[in-house]
Amino acid sequence: MLGEPLNPSDARRLIREIIQSGSVTFSGHAQQELDKDDLTTADVLNLLRGGIVEPAELERGSWRYRVRTARMCAVVAFRSETELRIVTAWRLKP
């Protein structure tokens, strides 16, 4: 079981491990936001591989981690040590 909240470096490591060999799912809200901003699930996976992970925030009973680059942001939650849920994602406006 995860000992959350994870520090940003541990969260980043686990995100990368799950992308490599676990399960990544997208919420309905995340998919709507991607469509609205003309983004793909591949865009989000690339963001998660290279983005900066911010400290966890407790939201609606689960720890959520914001991952960002200069152009995009995503919020993720760990369901287990092998499952990651994309809560939402969006393109940052210039």
Protein backbone atom coordinates (compact mmCIF):
# COMPACT_ATOMS: atom_id res chain seq x y z
CA MET A 1 0.00 0.00 0.00
CA LEU A 2 1.16 3.50 -0.78
CA GLY A 3 2.25 5.71 2.08
CA GLU A 4 0.72 8.89 0.76
CA PRO A 5 1.33 11.69 0.39
CA LEU A 6 4.46 10.95 -1.63
CA ASN A 7 7.13 13.60 -2.01
CA PRO A 8 7.39 14.94 -5.58
CA SER A 9 10.46 12.90 -6.54
CA ASP A 10 8.90 9.62 -5.32
CA ALA A 11 5.64 10.49 -7.08
CA ARG A 12 7.51 11.16 -10.32
CA ARG A 13 9.35 7.84 -10.07
CA LEU A 14 6.11 5.94 -9.44
CA ILE A 15 4.31 7.75 -12.28
CA ARG A 16 7.06 6.67 -14.68
CA GLU A 17 6.97 3.08 -13.42
CA ILE A 18 3.20 2.88 -13.85
CA ILE A 19 3.38 4.32 -17.38
CA GLN A 20 5.99 1.68 -18.22
CA SER A 21 4.35 -1.39 -16.73
CA GLY A 22 1.10 -0.53 -14.97
CA SER A 23 -2.33 0.82 -15.83
CA VAL A 24 -3.18 4.44 -16.69
CA THR A 25 -6.84 5.42 -16.93
CA PHE A 26 -8.53 8.71 -17.78
CA SER A 27 -11.60 10.07 -16.01
CA GLY A 28 -14.54 11.22 -18.12
CA HIS A 29 -13.79 14.78 -17.02
CA ALA A 30 -10.17 14.46 -18.14
CA GLN A 31 -11.25 13.22 -21.57
CA GLN A 32 -13.69 16.14 -21.93
CA GLU A 33 -10.96 18.62 -21.03
CA LEU A 34 -8.52 17.02 -23.48
CA ASP A 35 -11.09 17.26 -26.26
CA LYS A 36 -11.84 20.89 -25.38
CA ASP A 37 -8.12 21.84 -25.54
CA ASP A 38 -7.36 19.66 -28.60
CA LEU A 39 -5.01 17.39 -26.63
CA THR A 40 -4.52 13.63 -26.84
CA THR A 41 -3.87 10.93 -24.29
CA ALA A 42 -0.37 10.66 -25.82
CA ASP A 43 0.18 14.35 -25.01
CA VAL A 44 -0.68 13.64 -21.37
CA LEU A 45 1.60 10.59 -21.18
CA ASN A 46 4.47 12.67 -22.58
CA LEU A 47 3.71 15.38 -20.02
CA LEU A 48 3.81 12.80 -17.22
CA ARG A 49 7.15 11.43 -18.43
CA GLY A 50 8.89 14.80 -18.50
CA GLY A 51 6.88 17.22 -16.35
CA ILE A 52 7.52 18.69 -12.93
CA VAL A 53 5.55 17.04 -10.13
CA GLU A 54 4.27 19.44 -7.48
CA PRO A 55 3.59 18.52 -3.84
CA ALA A 56 0.44 16.49 -3.21
CA GLU A 57 -2.88 18.08 -2.30
CA LEU A 58 -5.70 16.27 -0.48
CA GLU A 59 -8.85 16.68 -2.58
CA ARG A 60 -12.14 14.80 -2.13
CA GLY A 61 -10.51 12.16 0.04
CA SER A 62 -7.57 11.32 -2.23
CA TRP A 63 -4.08 12.67 -2.71
CA ARG A 64 -3.68 14.40 -6.05
CA TYR A 65 -0.52 15.43 -7.78
CA ARG A 66 -0.25 18.25 -10.30
CA VAL A 67 2.26 17.62 -13.09
CA ARG A 68 3.17 20.52 -15.35
CA THR A 69 5.31 21.79 -18.17
CA ALA A 70 5.37 25.28 -19.65
CA ARG A 71 2.46 24.32 -21.94
CA MET A 72 0.32 21.75 -20.14
CA CYS A 73 -0.85 20.64 -16.74
CA ALA A 74 -2.43 17.41 -15.49
CA VAL A 75 -3.76 16.24 -12.14
CA VAL A 76 -3.25 12.57 -11.28
CA ALA A 77 -4.17 10.27 -8.42
CA PHE A 78 -2.66 6.91 -7.54
CA ARG A 79 -5.23 4.12 -7.22
CA SER A 80 -2.52 1.64 -6.22
CA GLU A 81 1.18 1.07 -6.77
CA THR A 82 0.36 -0.09 -10.31
CA GLU A 83 -2.62 2.09 -11.30
CA LEU A 84 -2.70 5.79 -12.07
CA ARG A 85 -5.84 7.83 -12.77
CA ILE A 86 -5.71 11.04 -14.79
CA VAL A 87 -8.23 13.29 -13.04
CA THR A 88 -7.97 16.23 -15.45
CA ALA A 89 -5.59 17.90 -17.86
CA TRP A 90 -5.48 21.16 -19.77
CA ARG A 91 -3.39 23.33 -22.03
CA LEU A 92 -1.94 26.40 -20.32
CA LYS A 93 -2.83 29.67 -21.98
CA PRO A 94 0.06 31.97 -23.02
